[in-house]
Amino acid sequence: MTGQPAASPLASADTPSRPSRGLLLFAIAVTVVWCALLMVMAWLTANPVALNREQILRSDLMITGKVEGDPHAGEVSVVREWKKNGLKGSIHVENLEDTGARAGETYLMPLLPAATGYRVAEARLANSAVPIYPATPAAVAQLEEILGARAEKK
């Protein structure tokens, strides 16, 4: 015994070295960025608007309309009428409050005549929904496809 500590058999040159702290931080950063990108993509593509073909074809009028003021008042300014191209100005939509519309927003609305103007056509779904659709480019493209297919059948 020489007073020197004995060499540990675990500290041999053959043991692999631990990964550096920088590499570990880089892997964590890449993982966080990857997860954030996945969440953004899921948020942007989740719940796309799907128009109810039967509701649109059954309606007398199909408009792009902007909700003016409180939806309970039912005032809508017509931006475009898709089927007959004759409706302009401001109209009253009786059941607008049932659709979940918000003031100042623009929607695609399938309409039927009513006592004091128009009403949104029901969708004939199990939940008795009265849907209108945000006037996004994707929704407008779907509407053009639905109305274009109807015109071809005539």
Protein backbone atom coordinates (compact mmCIF):
# COMPACT_ATOMS: atom_id res chain seq x y z
CA MET A 1 0.00 0.00 0.00
CA THR A 2 1.47 3.20 -1.12
CA GLY A 3 -1.17 5.58 0.20
CA GLN A 4 -2.47 6.19 -3.28
CA PRO A 5 -6.16 5.51 -3.96
CA ALA A 6 -6.74 2.37 -5.94
CA ALA A 7 -7.75 2.84 -9.56
CA SER A 8 -11.43 2.21 -10.02
CA PRO A 9 -12.28 -0.52 -12.50
CA LEU A 10 -15.28 1.62 -13.62
CA ALA A 11 -13.17 4.53 -14.83
CA SER A 12 -11.48 2.74 -17.69
CA ALA A 13 -10.90 4.33 -21.08
CA ASP A 14 -13.35 1.89 -22.69
CA THR A 15 -16.48 3.44 -21.13
CA PRO A 16 -18.43 5.76 -23.45
CA SER A 17 -18.55 9.43 -22.50
CA ARG A 18 -21.84 11.13 -21.54
CA PRO A 19 -23.48 13.25 -24.22
CA SER A 20 -22.69 16.90 -23.90
CA ARG A 21 -25.16 19.25 -22.22
CA GLY A 22 -25.35 21.33 -25.43
CA LEU A 23 -26.51 18.34 -27.46
CA LEU A 24 -29.21 17.57 -24.91
CA LEU A 25 -30.46 21.18 -24.95
CA PHE A 26 -30.48 21.14 -28.76
CA ALA A 27 -32.59 17.95 -28.78
CA ILE A 28 -35.04 19.49 -26.29
CA ALA A 29 -35.31 22.68 -28.38
CA VAL A 30 -35.98 20.69 -31.58
CA THR A 31 -38.66 18.65 -29.79
CA VAL A 32 -40.39 21.77 -28.46
CA VAL A 33 -40.35 23.48 -31.88
CA TRP A 34 -41.65 20.30 -33.56
CA CYS A 35 -44.53 19.99 -31.08
CA ALA A 36 -45.40 23.68 -31.50
CA LEU A 37 -45.49 23.30 -35.30
CA LEU A 38 -47.75 20.26 -35.01
CA MET A 39 -50.14 22.13 -32.72
CA VAL A 40 -50.29 25.12 -35.09
CA MET A 41 -50.97 22.86 -38.07
CA ALA A 42 -53.70 21.03 -36.15
CA TRP A 43 -55.29 24.31 -35.07
CA LEU A 44 -55.25 25.76 -38.60
CA THR A 45 -56.70 22.66 -40.26
CA ALA A 46 -59.10 21.45 -37.57
CA ASN A 47 -62.85 21.55 -38.19
CA PRO A 48 -63.00 22.75 -41.78
CA VAL A 49 -66.33 24.20 -42.88
CA ALA A 50 -68.53 21.62 -44.63
CA LEU A 51 -71.63 22.99 -46.32
CA ASN A 52 -74.89 21.02 -46.15
CA ARG A 53 -75.64 20.28 -49.80
CA GLU A 54 -79.29 19.35 -49.23
CA GLN A 55 -79.95 22.52 -47.21
CA ILE A 56 -78.44 24.71 -49.93
CA LEU A 57 -80.28 23.04 -52.81
CA ARG A 58 -83.60 23.17 -50.93
CA SER A 59 -83.31 26.90 -50.16
CA ASP A 60 -84.92 29.47 -52.46
CA LEU A 61 -82.08 31.96 -52.07
CA MET A 62 -78.43 31.60 -51.18
CA ILE A 63 -76.74 34.79 -50.07
CA THR A 64 -73.46 36.06 -48.81
CA GLY A 65 -74.62 38.46 -46.12
CA LYS A 66 -73.13 40.63 -43.42
CA VAL A 67 -74.89 40.67 -40.04
CA GLU A 68 -75.64 44.29 -39.21
CA GLY A 69 -75.89 44.98 -35.48
CA ASP A 70 -77.36 42.57 -32.98
CA PRO A 71 -78.25 39.18 -34.54
CA HIS A 72 -81.53 39.19 -32.54
CA ALA A 73 -82.67 42.11 -34.72
CA GLY A 74 -82.14 39.94 -37.82
CA GLU A 75 -80.78 42.67 -40.08
CA VAL A 76 -78.49 41.41 -42.85
CA SER A 77 -76.99 43.36 -45.74
CA VAL A 78 -76.77 41.27 -48.91
CA VAL A 79 -73.29 41.17 -50.42
CA ARG A 80 -74.21 38.64 -53.13
CA GLU A 81 -77.17 36.44 -54.02
CA TRP A 82 -76.01 33.17 -55.59
CA LYS A 83 -79.10 31.54 -57.14
CA LYS A 84 -81.25 34.27 -58.73
CA ASN A 85 -78.90 37.28 -58.64
CA GLY A 86 -81.81 39.60 -57.87
CA LEU A 87 -81.67 40.24 -54.12
CA LYS A 88 -79.86 43.41 -53.01
CA GLY A 89 -79.80 45.77 -50.06
CA SER A 90 -80.79 44.97 -46.52
CA ILE A 91 -83.14 42.14 -45.53
CA HIS A 92 -84.71 40.81 -42.34
CA VAL A 93 -83.87 37.20 -41.36
CA GLU A 94 -86.36 35.97 -38.74
CA ASN A 95 -84.35 33.15 -37.14
CA LEU A 96 -80.87 34.67 -37.38
CA GLU A 97 -80.41 34.48 -33.59
CA ASP A 98 -80.82 30.67 -33.78
CA THR A 99 -77.76 30.35 -36.03
CA GLY A 100 -75.10 31.63 -33.65
CA ALA A 101 -74.28 34.54 -35.98
CA ARG A 102 -72.14 37.39 -34.69
CA ALA A 103 -72.51 41.08 -35.46
CA GLY A 104 -70.27 42.37 -38.22
CA GLU A 105 -69.42 38.91 -39.59
CA THR A 106 -70.11 37.77 -43.15
CA TYR A 107 -71.81 34.42 -43.76
CA LEU A 108 -73.21 32.20 -46.49
CA MET A 109 -76.92 31.86 -45.72
CA PRO A 110 -79.44 29.51 -47.35
CA LEU A 111 -82.80 31.32 -47.11
CA LEU A 112 -86.51 30.61 -47.52
CA PRO A 113 -89.33 33.21 -47.66
CA ALA A 114 -91.00 34.03 -44.33
CA ALA A 115 -93.76 36.29 -43.03
CA THR A 116 -91.51 39.28 -42.31
CA GLY A 117 -88.73 38.68 -44.82
CA TYR A 118 -86.68 35.49 -44.84
CA ARG A 119 -85.55 32.70 -42.55
CA VAL A 120 -82.52 30.45 -42.65
CA ALA A 121 -83.43 27.03 -44.05
CA GLU A 122 -83.17 24.21 -41.52
CA ALA A 123 -80.61 21.50 -42.20
CA ARG A 124 -82.93 18.54 -41.47
CA LEU A 125 -80.42 17.04 -39.08
CA ALA A 126 -81.18 15.11 -35.91
CA ASN A 127 -80.32 18.14 -33.77
CA SER A 128 -82.64 20.52 -35.73
CA ALA A 129 -79.70 22.78 -36.53
CA VAL A 130 -80.09 26.03 -38.43
CA PRO A 131 -76.57 26.44 -39.82
CA ILE A 132 -75.05 29.33 -41.67
CA TYR A 133 -71.44 29.24 -42.84
CA PRO A 134 -68.53 31.69 -42.47
CA ALA A 135 -67.85 33.19 -45.90
CA THR A 136 -64.31 31.87 -46.21
CA PRO A 137 -62.69 31.19 -49.59
CA ALA A 138 -62.96 27.43 -48.95
CA ALA A 139 -66.68 27.69 -48.16
CA VAL A 140 -67.31 29.84 -51.24
CA ALA A 141 -65.47 27.26 -53.38
CA GLN A 142 -67.71 24.50 -51.93
CA LEU A 143 -70.81 26.59 -52.65
CA GLU A 144 -69.73 27.21 -56.24
CA GLU A 145 -69.18 23.47 -56.66
CA ILE A 146 -72.62 22.62 -55.22
CA LEU A 147 -74.41 25.22 -57.34
CA GLY A 148 -72.36 24.33 -60.41
CA ALA A 149 -73.30 20.65 -60.08
CA ARG A 150 -76.97 21.65 -59.73
CA ALA A 151 -76.78 23.77 -62.89
CA GLU A 152 -75.23 20.89 -64.84
CA LYS A 153 -78.07 18.54 -63.85
CA LYS A 154 -80.75 20.89 -65.22
